[in-house]
């Protein structure tokens, strides 16, 4: 069992729709932001194991480097949910919003 959470800085449209589009690999509604890049780097620094459950993955970023600044989508295992409170605090610290696929509701900064 896993839980999906997506984070971004700025986007146009309903957060639920943006989340659904990200699940399909479509990040067109999102603007690139250095805050997303910093969040991504800090996530991987603190919890290197999240690299295995993070999108866009290294392959996607190699094909389109700008996409790394648009969003972070995490598919967390039950074990990794122990990080959730800290992940949400880190996202807020970086001014990010997003969507929880589990709760079906937006994540506010």
PDB file of N, CA and C in Angstrom:
ATOM      1  N   UNK A   1       0.845  -1.172   0.000  1.00  0.00           N
ATOM      2  CA  UNK A   1       0.000   0.000   0.000  1.00  0.00           C
ATOM      3  C   UNK A   1       0.896   1.243   0.000  1.00  0.00           C
ATOM      4  N   UNK A   2       0.480   2.240  -0.739  1.00  0.00           N
ATOM      5  CA  UNK A   2       1.250   3.475  -0.834  1.00  0.00           C
ATOM      6  C   UNK A   2       0.311   4.675  -0.850  1.00  0.00           C
ATOM      7  N   UNK A   3       0.896   5.833  -0.604  1.00  0.00           N
ATOM      8  CA  UNK A   3       0.142   7.079  -0.567  1.00  0.00           C
ATOM      9  C   UNK A   3       0.867   8.115  -1.412  1.00  0.00           C
ATOM     10  N   UNK A   4       0.125   8.823  -2.248  1.00  0.00           N
ATOM     11  CA  UNK A   4       0.707   9.816  -3.155  1.00  0.00           C
ATOM     12  C   UNK A   4       0.481  11.232  -2.649  1.00  0.00           C
ATOM     13  N   UNK A   5       1.554  12.029  -2.745  1.00  0.00           N
ATOM     14  CA  UNK A   5       1.520  13.439  -2.376  1.00  0.00           C
ATOM     15  C   UNK A   5       2.286  14.213  -3.429  1.00  0.00           C
ATOM     16  N   UNK A   6       1.702  15.332  -3.879  1.00  0.00           N
ATOM     17  CA  UNK A   6       2.372  16.172  -4.876  1.00  0.00           C
ATOM     18  C   UNK A   6       2.532  17.576  -4.308  1.00  0.00           C
ATOM     19  N   UNK A   7       3.652  18.210  -4.680  1.00  0.00           N
ATOM     20  CA  UNK A   7       3.967  19.555  -4.207  1.00  0.00           C
ATOM     21  C   UNK A   7       4.419  20.408  -5.382  1.00  0.00           C
ATOM     22  N   UNK A   8       4.030  21.683  -5.363  1.00  0.00           N
ATOM     23  CA  UNK A   8       4.444  22.629  -6.392  1.00  0.00           C
ATOM     24  C   UNK A   8       4.355  24.043  -5.819  1.00  0.00           C
ATOM     25  N   UNK A   9       4.948  25.004  -6.527  1.00  0.00           N
ATOM     26  CA  UNK A   9       4.951  26.395  -6.057  1.00  0.00           C
ATOM     27  C   UNK A   9       3.772  27.178  -6.620  1.00  0.00           C
ATOM     28  N   UNK A  10       3.599  27.137  -7.939  1.00  0.00           N
ATOM     29  CA  UNK A  10       2.534  27.896  -8.600  1.00  0.00           C
ATOM     30  C   UNK A  10       1.916  27.058  -9.705  1.00  0.00           C
ATOM     31  N   UNK A  11       0.603  27.101  -9.749  1.00  0.00           N
ATOM     32  CA  UNK A  11      -0.082  26.369 -10.800  1.00  0.00           C
ATOM     33  C   UNK A  11      -1.409  27.022 -11.120  1.00  0.00           C
ATOM     34  N   UNK A  12      -1.920  26.711 -12.290  1.00  0.00           N
ATOM     35  CA  UNK A  12      -3.226  27.246 -12.669  1.00  0.00           C
ATOM     36  C   UNK A  12      -4.207  26.093 -12.764  1.00  0.00           C
ATOM     37  N   UNK A  13      -5.324  26.261 -12.072  1.00  0.00           N
ATOM     38  CA  UNK A  13      -6.354  25.243 -12.092  1.00  0.00           C
ATOM     39  C   UNK A  13      -6.600  24.637 -10.728  1.00  0.00           C
ATOM     40  N   UNK A  14      -7.526  23.720 -10.687  1.00  0.00           N
ATOM     41  CA  UNK A  14      -7.917  23.023  -9.469  1.00  0.00           C
ATOM     42  C   UNK A  14      -6.790  22.088  -9.016  1.00  0.00           C
ATOM     43  N   UNK A  15      -6.413  22.128  -7.728  1.00  0.00           N
ATOM     44  CA  UNK A  15      -5.336  21.257  -7.258  1.00  0.00           C
ATOM     45  C   UNK A  15      -5.570  19.770  -7.528  1.00  0.00           C
ATOM     46  N   UNK A  16      -6.803  19.326  -7.424  1.00  0.00           N
ATOM     47  CA  UNK A  16      -7.113  17.917  -7.712  1.00  0.00           C
ATOM     48  C   UNK A  16      -6.867  17.569  -9.167  1.00  0.00           C
ATOM     49  N   UNK A  17      -7.226  18.488 -10.059  1.00  0.00           N
ATOM     50  CA  UNK A  17      -6.975  18.270 -11.488  1.00  0.00           C
ATOM     51  C   UNK A  17      -5.479  18.288 -11.796  1.00  0.00           C
ATOM     52  N   UNK A  18      -4.764  19.221 -11.164  1.00  0.00           N
ATOM     53  CA  UNK A  18      -3.311  19.273 -11.358  1.00  0.00           C
ATOM     54  C   UNK A  18      -2.692  17.954 -10.911  1.00  0.00           C
ATOM     55  N   UNK A  19      -3.109  17.461  -9.752  1.00  0.00           N
ATOM     56  CA  UNK A  19      -2.608  16.191  -9.226  1.00  0.00           C
ATOM     57  C   UNK A  19      -2.883  15.045 -10.203  1.00  0.00           C
ATOM     58  N   UNK A  20      -4.101  14.968 -10.701  1.00  0.00           N
ATOM     59  CA  UNK A  20      -4.450  13.914 -11.658  1.00  0.00           C
ATOM     60  C   UNK A  20      -3.585  14.009 -12.912  1.00  0.00           C
ATOM     61  N   UNK A  21      -3.358  15.226 -13.383  1.00  0.00           N
ATOM     62  CA  UNK A  21      -2.516  15.419 -14.569  1.00  0.00           C
ATOM     63  C   UNK A  21      -1.079  14.994 -14.299  1.00  0.00           C
ATOM     64  N   UNK A  22      -0.568  15.300 -13.097  1.00  0.00           N
ATOM     65  CA  UNK A  22       0.794  14.889 -12.753  1.00  0.00           C
ATOM     66  C   UNK A  22       0.923  13.370 -12.749  1.00  0.00           C
ATOM     67  N   UNK A  23      -0.105  12.697 -12.306  1.00  0.00           N
ATOM     68  CA  UNK A  23      -0.089  11.227 -12.312  1.00  0.00           C
ATOM     69  C   UNK A  23       0.038  10.687 -13.729  1.00  0.00           C
ATOM     70  N   UNK A  24      -0.373  11.483 -14.699  1.00  0.00           N
ATOM     71  CA  UNK A  24      -0.268  11.109 -16.109  1.00  0.00           C
ATOM     72  C   UNK A  24       0.987  11.696 -16.760  1.00  0.00           C
ATOM     73  N   UNK A  25       1.810  12.384 -15.960  1.00  0.00           N
ATOM     74  CA  UNK A  25       3.045  12.951 -16.488  1.00  0.00           C
ATOM     75  C   UNK A  25       2.884  14.317 -17.125  1.00  0.00           C
ATOM     76  N   UNK A  26       1.745  14.978 -16.898  1.00  0.00           N
ATOM     77  CA  UNK A  26       1.468  16.282 -17.500  1.00  0.00           C
ATOM     78  C   UNK A  26       1.640  17.379 -16.455  1.00  0.00           C
ATOM     79  N   UNK A  27       2.697  18.173 -16.572  1.00  0.00           N
ATOM     80  CA  UNK A  27       2.969  19.263 -15.637  1.00  0.00           C
ATOM     81  C   UNK A  27       2.764  20.630 -16.281  1.00  0.00           C
ATOM     82  N   UNK A  28       2.008  20.685 -17.366  1.00  0.00           N
ATOM     83  CA  UNK A  28       1.849  21.927 -18.129  1.00  0.00           C
ATOM     84  C   UNK A  28       1.215  23.053 -17.318  1.00  0.00           C
ATOM     85  N   UNK A  29       0.404  22.743 -16.309  1.00  0.00           N
ATOM     86  CA  UNK A  29      -0.280  23.778 -15.536  1.00  0.00           C
ATOM     87  C   UNK A  29       0.615  24.392 -14.463  1.00  0.00           C
ATOM     88  N   UNK A  30       1.854  23.907 -14.357  1.00  0.00           N
ATOM     89  CA  UNK A  30       2.734  24.357 -13.282  1.00  0.00           C
ATOM     90  C   UNK A  30       3.896  25.189 -13.801  1.00  0.00           C
ATOM     91  N   UNK A  31       4.227  26.227 -13.042  1.00  0.00           N
ATOM     92  CA  UNK A  31       5.384  27.057 -13.350  1.00  0.00           C
ATOM     93  C   UNK A  31       6.598  26.512 -12.607  1.00  0.00           C
ATOM     94  N   UNK A  32       7.744  26.633 -13.224  1.00  0.00           N
ATOM     95  CA  UNK A  32       8.986  26.216 -12.585  1.00  0.00           C
ATOM     96  C   UNK A  32       9.348  27.206 -11.478  1.00  0.00           C
ATOM     97  N   UNK A  33       9.931  26.697 -10.389  1.00  0.00           N
ATOM     98  CA  UNK A  33      10.293  27.550  -9.263  1.00  0.00           C
ATOM     99  C   UNK A  33      11.561  27.033  -8.594  1.00  0.00           C
ATOM    100  N   UNK A  34      12.447  27.945  -8.209  1.00  0.00           N
ATOM    101  CA  UNK A  34      13.630  27.510  -7.465  1.00  0.00           C
ATOM    102  C   UNK A  34      13.260  26.907  -6.107  1.00  0.00           C
ATOM    103  N   UNK A  35      12.098  27.281  -5.570  1.00  0.00           N
ATOM    104  CA  UNK A  35      11.659  26.696  -4.296  1.00  0.00           C
ATOM    105  C   UNK A  35      11.422  25.193  -4.433  1.00  0.00           C
ATOM    106  N   UNK A  36      10.896  24.764  -5.554  1.00  0.00           N
ATOM    107  CA  UNK A  36      10.683  23.336  -5.792  1.00  0.00           C
ATOM    108  C   UNK A  36      12.032  22.627  -5.885  1.00  0.00           C
ATOM    109  N   UNK A  37      12.984  23.248  -6.562  1.00  0.00           N
ATOM    110  CA  UNK A  37      14.320  22.655  -6.671  1.00  0.00           C
ATOM    111  C   UNK A  37      14.978  22.518  -5.301  1.00  0.00           C
ATOM    112  N   UNK A  38      14.847  23.550  -4.477  1.00  0.00           N
ATOM    113  CA  UNK A  38      15.429  23.495  -3.129  1.00  0.00           C
ATOM    114  C   UNK A  38      14.743  22.430  -2.277  1.00  0.00           C
ATOM    115  N   UNK A  39      13.425  22.347  -2.380  1.00  0.00           N
ATOM    116  CA  UNK A  39      12.659  21.325  -1.653  1.00  0.00           C
ATOM    117  C   UNK A  39      13.116  19.935  -2.076  1.00  0.00           C
ATOM    118  N   UNK A  40      13.211  19.720  -3.362  1.00  0.00           N
ATOM    119  CA  UNK A  40      13.643  18.426  -3.901  1.00  0.00           C
ATOM    120  C   UNK A  40      15.037  18.061  -3.383  1.00  0.00           C
ATOM    121  N   UNK A  41      15.958  19.014  -3.432  1.00  0.00           N
ATOM    122  CA  UNK A  41      17.331  18.759  -2.974  1.00  0.00           C
ATOM    123  C   UNK A  41      17.362  18.436  -1.486  1.00  0.00           C
ATOM    124  N   UNK A  42      16.595  19.169  -0.690  1.00  0.00           N
ATOM    125  CA  UNK A  42      16.594  18.918   0.752  1.00  0.00           C
ATOM    126  C   UNK A  42      15.941  17.579   1.080  1.00  0.00           C
ATOM    127  N   UNK A  43      14.887  17.227   0.358  1.00  0.00           N
ATOM    128  CA  UNK A  43      14.264  15.906   0.550  1.00  0.00           C
ATOM    129  C   UNK A  43      15.296  14.803   0.354  1.00  0.00           C
ATOM    130  N   UNK A  44      15.995  14.873  -0.746  1.00  0.00           N
ATOM    131  CA  UNK A  44      16.956  13.821  -1.074  1.00  0.00           C
ATOM    132  C   UNK A  44      18.158  13.838  -0.137  1.00  0.00           C
ATOM    133  N   UNK A  45      18.492  14.998   0.378  1.00  0.00           N
ATOM    134  CA  UNK A  45      19.588  15.088   1.341  1.00  0.00           C
ATOM    135  C   UNK A  45      19.197  14.442   2.673  1.00  0.00           C
ATOM    136  N   UNK A  46      17.994  14.740   3.139  1.00  0.00           N
ATOM    137  CA  UNK A  46      17.521  14.209   4.421  1.00  0.00           C
ATOM    138  C   UNK A  46      17.144  12.732   4.337  1.00  0.00           C
ATOM    139  N   UNK A  47      16.469  12.378   3.247  1.00  0.00           N
ATOM    140  CA  UNK A  47      15.932  11.023   3.100  1.00  0.00           C
ATOM    141  C   UNK A  47      16.299  10.476   1.725  1.00  0.00           C
ATOM    142  N   UNK A  48      17.526  10.018   1.544  1.00  0.00           N
ATOM    143  CA  UNK A  48      17.968   9.527   0.233  1.00  0.00           C
ATOM    144  C   UNK A  48      17.073   8.420  -0.342  1.00  0.00           C
ATOM    145  N   UNK A  49      16.431   7.641   0.532  1.00  0.00           N
ATOM    146  CA  UNK A  49      15.563   6.559   0.055  1.00  0.00           C
ATOM    147  C   UNK A  49      14.347   7.079  -0.706  1.00  0.00           C
ATOM    148  N   UNK A  50      14.019   8.365  -0.543  1.00  0.00           N
ATOM    149  CA  UNK A  50      12.884   8.924  -1.285  1.00  0.00           C
ATOM    150  C   UNK A  50      13.192   9.074  -2.774  1.00  0.00           C
ATOM    151  N   UNK A  51      14.455   8.997  -3.135  1.00  0.00           N
ATOM    152  CA  UNK A  51      14.826   9.054  -4.549  1.00  0.00           C
ATOM    153  C   UNK A  51      14.178   7.958  -5.365  1.00  0.00           C
ATOM    154  N   UNK A  52      13.854   6.850  -4.716  1.00  0.00           N
ATOM    155  CA  UNK A  52      13.219   5.724  -5.407  1.00  0.00           C
ATOM    156  C   UNK A  52      11.726   5.928  -5.632  1.00  0.00           C
ATOM    157  N   UNK A  53      11.127   6.895  -4.920  1.00  0.00           N
ATOM    158  CA  UNK A  53       9.675   7.087  -5.002  1.00  0.00           C
ATOM    159  C   UNK A  53       9.313   8.508  -5.428  1.00  0.00           C
ATOM    160  N   UNK A  54      10.291   9.238  -5.963  1.00  0.00           N
ATOM    161  CA  UNK A  54      10.129  10.636  -6.318  1.00  0.00           C
ATOM    162  C   UNK A  54       9.971  10.794  -7.827  1.00  0.00           C
ATOM    163  N   UNK A  55       9.040  11.642  -8.212  1.00  0.00           N
ATOM    164  CA  UNK A  55       8.882  12.033  -9.612  1.00  0.00           C
ATOM    165  C   UNK A  55       8.940  13.553  -9.672  1.00  0.00           C
ATOM    166  N   UNK A  56       9.439  14.131 -10.721  1.00  0.00           N
ATOM    167  CA  UNK A  56      10.039  13.457 -11.863  1.00  0.00           C
ATOM    168  C   UNK A  56      11.334  12.763 -11.442  1.00  0.00           C
ATOM    169  N   UNK A  57      11.553  11.592 -12.030  1.00  0.00           N
ATOM    170  CA  UNK A  57      12.746  10.833 -11.680  1.00  0.00           C
ATOM    171  C   UNK A  57      13.950  11.333 -12.484  1.00  0.00           C
ATOM    172  N   UNK A  58      15.101  10.745 -12.212  1.00  0.00           N
ATOM    173  CA  UNK A  58      16.338  11.196 -12.858  1.00  0.00           C
ATOM    174  C   UNK A  58      16.246  11.128 -14.383  1.00  0.00           C
ATOM    175  N   UNK A  59      15.600  10.100 -14.897  1.00  0.00           N
ATOM    176  CA  UNK A  59      15.449   9.949 -16.345  1.00  0.00           C
ATOM    177  C   UNK A  59      14.626  11.102 -16.926  1.00  0.00           C
ATOM    178  N   UNK A  60      13.498  11.435 -16.261  1.00  0.00           N
ATOM    179  CA  UNK A  60      12.648  12.533 -16.722  1.00  0.00           C
ATOM    180  C   UNK A  60      13.400  13.862 -16.702  1.00  0.00           C
ATOM    181  N   UNK A  61      14.169  14.071 -15.638  1.00  0.00           N
ATOM    182  CA  UNK A  61      14.927  15.320 -15.494  1.00  0.00           C
ATOM    183  C   UNK A  61      16.031  15.405 -16.540  1.00  0.00           C
ATOM    184  N   UNK A  62      16.648  14.279 -16.859  1.00  0.00           N
ATOM    185  CA  UNK A  62      17.687  14.277 -17.893  1.00  0.00           C
ATOM    186  C   UNK A  62      17.107  14.666 -19.248  1.00  0.00           C
ATOM    187  N   UNK A  63      15.870  14.231 -19.533  1.00  0.00           N
ATOM    188  CA  UNK A  63      15.210  14.562 -20.797  1.00  0.00           C
ATOM    189  C   UNK A  63      14.723  16.009 -20.833  1.00  0.00           C
ATOM    190  N   UNK A  64      14.266  16.516 -19.671  1.00  0.00           N
ATOM    191  CA  UNK A  64      13.706  17.867 -19.590  1.00  0.00           C
ATOM    192  C   UNK A  64      14.099  18.479 -18.245  1.00  0.00           C
ATOM    193  N   UNK A  65      15.287  19.087 -18.155  1.00  0.00           N
ATOM    194  CA  UNK A  65      15.778  19.608 -16.875  1.00  0.00           C
ATOM    195  C   UNK A  65      14.836  20.595 -16.181  1.00  0.00           C
ATOM    196  N   UNK A  66      14.065  21.354 -16.949  1.00  0.00           N
ATOM    197  CA  UNK A  66      13.155  22.333 -16.349  1.00  0.00           C
ATOM    198  C   UNK A  66      12.072  21.673 -15.500  1.00  0.00           C
ATOM    199  N   UNK A  67      11.716  20.450 -15.802  1.00  0.00           N
ATOM    200  CA  UNK A  67      10.614  19.795 -15.102  1.00  0.00           C
ATOM    201  C   UNK A  67      10.911  19.589 -13.617  1.00  0.00           C
ATOM    202  N   UNK A  68      12.171  19.493 -13.241  1.00  0.00           N
ATOM    203  CA  UNK A  68      12.537  19.302 -11.832  1.00  0.00           C
ATOM    204  C   UNK A  68      12.091  20.475 -10.971  1.00  0.00           C
ATOM    205  N   UNK A  69      11.951  21.652 -11.565  1.00  0.00           N
ATOM    206  CA  UNK A  69      11.516  22.830 -10.830  1.00  0.00           C
ATOM    207  C   UNK A  69      10.017  23.038 -10.814  1.00  0.00           C
ATOM    208  N   UNK A  70       9.289  22.160 -11.457  1.00  0.00           N
ATOM    209  CA  UNK A  70       7.833  22.321 -11.517  1.00  0.00           C
ATOM    210  C   UNK A  70       7.097  21.612 -10.388  1.00  0.00           C
ATOM    211  N   UNK A  71       7.532  20.406 -10.048  1.00  0.00           N
ATOM    212  CA  UNK A  71       6.802  19.644  -9.029  1.00  0.00           C
ATOM    213  C   UNK A  71       7.648  18.528  -8.446  1.00  0.00           C
ATOM    214  N   UNK A  72       7.160  18.038  -7.320  1.00  0.00           N
ATOM    215  CA  UNK A  72       7.666  16.815  -6.700  1.00  0.00           C
ATOM    216  C   UNK A  72       6.443  15.960  -6.396  1.00  0.00           C
ATOM    217  N   UNK A  73       6.447  14.737  -6.881  1.00  0.00           N
ATOM    218  CA  UNK A  73       5.381  13.783  -6.601  1.00  0.00           C
ATOM    219  C   UNK A  73       6.025  12.606  -5.886  1.00  0.00           C
ATOM    220  N   UNK A  74       5.509  12.301  -4.700  1.00  0.00           N
ATOM    221  CA  UNK A  74       6.046  11.214  -3.888  1.00  0.00           C
ATOM    222  C   UNK A  74       5.002  10.118  -3.728  1.00  0.00           C
ATOM    223  N   UNK A  75       5.415   8.893  -3.935  1.00  0.00           N
ATOM    224  CA  UNK A  75       4.572   7.724  -3.670  1.00  0.00           C
ATOM    225  C   UNK A  75       5.196   7.031  -2.470  1.00  0.00           C
ATOM    226  N   UNK A  76       4.660   7.333  -1.293  1.00  0.00           N
ATOM    227  CA  UNK A  76       5.255   6.871  -0.048  1.00  0.00           C
ATOM    228  C   UNK A  76       4.680   5.524   0.391  1.00  0.00           C
ATOM    229  N   UNK A  77       5.574   4.636   0.786  1.00  0.00           N
ATOM    230  CA  UNK A  77       5.148   3.363   1.371  1.00  0.00           C
ATOM    231  C   UNK A  77       4.673   3.631   2.798  1.00  0.00           C
ATOM    232  N   UNK A  78       4.046   2.645   3.399  1.00  0.00           N
ATOM    233  CA  UNK A  78       3.578   2.789   4.777  1.00  0.00           C
ATOM    234  C   UNK A  78       4.754   3.153   5.684  1.00  0.00           C
ATOM    235  N   UNK A  79       5.879   2.523   5.495  1.00  0.00           N
ATOM    236  CA  UNK A  79       7.068   2.809   6.298  1.00  0.00           C
ATOM    237  C   UNK A  79       7.519   4.256   6.109  1.00  0.00           C
ATOM    238  N   UNK A  80       7.477   4.750   4.901  1.00  0.00           N
ATOM    239  CA  UNK A  80       7.928   6.117   4.614  1.00  0.00           C
ATOM    240  C   UNK A  80       6.960   7.187   5.112  1.00  0.00           C
ATOM    241  N   UNK A  81       5.742   6.791   5.430  1.00  0.00           N
ATOM    242  CA  UNK A  81       4.784   7.758   5.964  1.00  0.00           C
ATOM    243  C   UNK A  81       5.239   8.326   7.306  1.00  0.00           C
ATOM    244  N   UNK A  82       6.208   7.671   7.951  1.00  0.00           N
ATOM    245  CA  UNK A  82       6.783   8.218   9.185  1.00  0.00           C
ATOM    246  C   UNK A  82       7.398   9.592   8.934  1.00  0.00           C
ATOM    247  N   UNK A  83       7.789   9.875   7.712  1.00  0.00           N
ATOM    248  CA  UNK A  83       8.399  11.161   7.340  1.00  0.00           C
ATOM    249  C   UNK A  83       7.356  12.245   7.045  1.00  0.00           C
ATOM    250  N   UNK A  84       6.088  11.884   6.995  1.00  0.00           N
ATOM    251  CA  UNK A  84       5.081  12.796   6.448  1.00  0.00           C
ATOM    252  C   UNK A  84       5.003  14.138   7.173  1.00  0.00           C
ATOM    253  N   UNK A  85       4.979  14.142   8.484  1.00  0.00           N
ATOM    254  CA  UNK A  85       4.880  15.413   9.220  1.00  0.00           C
ATOM    255  C   UNK A  85       6.054  16.316   8.853  1.00  0.00           C
ATOM    256  N   UNK A  86       7.259  15.744   8.798  1.00  0.00           N
ATOM    257  CA  UNK A  86       8.446  16.523   8.445  1.00  0.00           C
ATOM    258  C   UNK A  86       8.414  16.961   6.975  1.00  0.00           C
ATOM    259  N   UNK A  87       7.900  16.101   6.094  1.00  0.00           N
ATOM    260  CA  UNK A  87       7.777  16.453   4.672  1.00  0.00           C
ATOM    261  C   UNK A  87       6.844  17.641   4.488  1.00  0.00           C
ATOM    262  N   UNK A  88       5.703  17.594   5.166  1.00  0.00           N
ATOM    263  CA  UNK A  88       4.734  18.686   5.049  1.00  0.00           C
ATOM    264  C   UNK A  88       5.308  19.985   5.615  1.00  0.00           C
ATOM    265  N   UNK A  89       6.026  19.901   6.720  1.00  0.00           N
ATOM    266  CA  UNK A  89       6.653  21.093   7.298  1.00  0.00           C
ATOM    267  C   UNK A  89       7.707  21.657   6.349  1.00  0.00           C
ATOM    268  N   UNK A  90       8.463  20.782   5.719  1.00  0.00           N
ATOM    269  CA  UNK A  90       9.492  21.210   4.769  1.00  0.00           C
ATOM    270  C   UNK A  90       8.858  21.884   3.552  1.00  0.00           C
ATOM    271  N   UNK A  91       7.768  21.318   3.062  1.00  0.00           N
ATOM    272  CA  UNK A  91       7.058  21.925   1.929  1.00  0.00           C
ATOM    273  C   UNK A  91       6.561  23.320   2.302  1.00  0.00           C
ATOM    274  N   UNK A  92       6.012  23.443   3.493  1.00  0.00           N
ATOM    275  CA  UNK A  92       5.524  24.748   3.951  1.00  0.00           C
ATOM    276  C   UNK A  92       6.679  25.732   4.073  1.00  0.00           C
ATOM    277  N   UNK A  93       7.796  25.251   4.601  1.00  0.00           N
ATOM    278  CA  UNK A  93       8.987  26.086   4.746  1.00  0.00           C
ATOM    279  C   UNK A  93       9.449  26.654   3.399  1.00  0.00           C
ATOM    280  N   UNK A  94       9.247  25.890   2.333  1.00  0.00           N
ATOM    281  CA  UNK A  94       9.644  26.316   0.994  1.00  0.00           C
ATOM    282  C   UNK A  94       8.507  27.010   0.241  1.00  0.00           C
ATOM    283  N   UNK A  95       7.380  27.228   0.924  1.00  0.00           N
ATOM    284  CA  UNK A  95       6.268  27.956   0.319  1.00  0.00           C
ATOM    285  C   UNK A  95       5.514  27.168  -0.735  1.00  0.00           C
ATOM    286  N   UNK A  96       5.531  25.830  -0.622  1.00  0.00           N
ATOM    287  CA  UNK A  96       4.871  24.995  -1.617  1.00  0.00           C
ATOM    288  C   UNK A  96       3.467  24.617  -1.187  1.00  0.00           C
ATOM    289  N   UNK A  97       2.639  24.386  -2.174  1.00  0.00           N
ATOM    290  CA  UNK A  97       1.297  23.852  -1.982  1.00  0.00           C
ATOM    291  C   UNK A  97       1.263  22.502  -2.677  1.00  0.00           C
ATOM    292  N   UNK A  98       0.125  21.867  -2.659  1.00  0.00           N
ATOM    293  CA  UNK A  98       0.052  20.585  -3.343  1.00  0.00           C
ATOM    294  C   UNK A  98      -1.262  19.886  -3.134  1.00  0.00           C
ATOM    295  N   UNK A  99      -1.189  18.553  -3.187  1.00  0.00           N
ATOM    296  CA  UNK A  99      -2.400  17.751  -3.094  1.00  0.00           C
ATOM    297  C   UNK A  99      -2.062  16.396  -2.506  1.00  0.00           C
ATOM    298  N   UNK A 100      -2.924  15.924  -1.614  1.00  0.00           N
ATOM    299  CA  UNK A 100      -2.801  14.598  -1.038  1.00  0.00           C
ATOM    300  C   UNK A 100      -3.771  13.666  -1.745  1.00  0.00           C
ATOM    301  N   UNK A 101      -3.221  12.682  -2.442  1.00  0.00           N
ATOM    302  CA  UNK A 101      -4.078  11.715  -3.110  1.00  0.00           C
ATOM    303  C   UNK A 101      -4.832  10.845  -2.128  1.00  0.00           C
ATOM    304  N   UNK A 102      -4.273  10.642  -0.947  1.00  0.00           N
ATOM    305  CA  UNK A 102      -4.900   9.824   0.081  1.00  0.00           C
ATOM    306  C   UNK A 102      -6.121  10.534   0.650  1.00  0.00           C
ATOM    307  N   UNK A 103      -5.925  11.782   1.066  1.00  0.00           N
ATOM    308  CA  UNK A 103      -7.010  12.546   1.662  1.00  0.00           C
ATOM    309  C   UNK A 103      -7.954  13.128   0.614  1.00  0.00           C
ATOM    310  N   UNK A 104      -7.451  13.246  -0.641  1.00  0.00           N
ATOM    311  CA  UNK A 104      -8.261  13.849  -1.689  1.00  0.00           C
ATOM    312  C   UNK A 104      -8.482  15.333  -1.470  1.00  0.00           C
ATOM    313  N   UNK A 105      -7.470  15.982  -0.873  1.00  0.00           N
ATOM    314  CA  UNK A 105      -7.620  17.410  -0.597  1.00  0.00           C
ATOM    315  C   UNK A 105      -6.299  18.151  -0.797  1.00  0.00           C
ATOM    316  N   UNK A 106      -6.418  19.469  -1.010  1.00  0.00           N
ATOM    317  CA  UNK A 106      -5.218  20.281  -1.208  1.00  0.00           C
ATOM    318  C   UNK A 106      -4.338  20.316   0.034  1.00  0.00           C
ATOM    319  N   UNK A 107      -3.055  20.545  -0.195  1.00  0.00           N
ATOM    320  CA  UNK A 107      -2.087  20.791   0.868  1.00  0.00           C
ATOM    321  C   UNK A 107      -1.770  22.283   0.763  1.00  0.00           C
ATOM    322  N   UNK A 108      -2.031  23.017   1.827  1.00  0.00           N
ATOM    323  CA  UNK A 108      -1.829  24.470   1.824  1.00  0.00           C
ATOM    324  C   UNK A 108      -0.493  24.823   2.435  1.00  0.00           C
ATOM    325  N   UNK A 109       0.082  25.913   1.958  1.00  0.00           N
ATOM    326  CA  UNK A 109       1.370  26.401   2.501  1.00  0.00           C
ATOM    327  C   UNK A 109       1.167  27.020   3.860  1.00  0.00           C
TER     328      UNK A 109
END
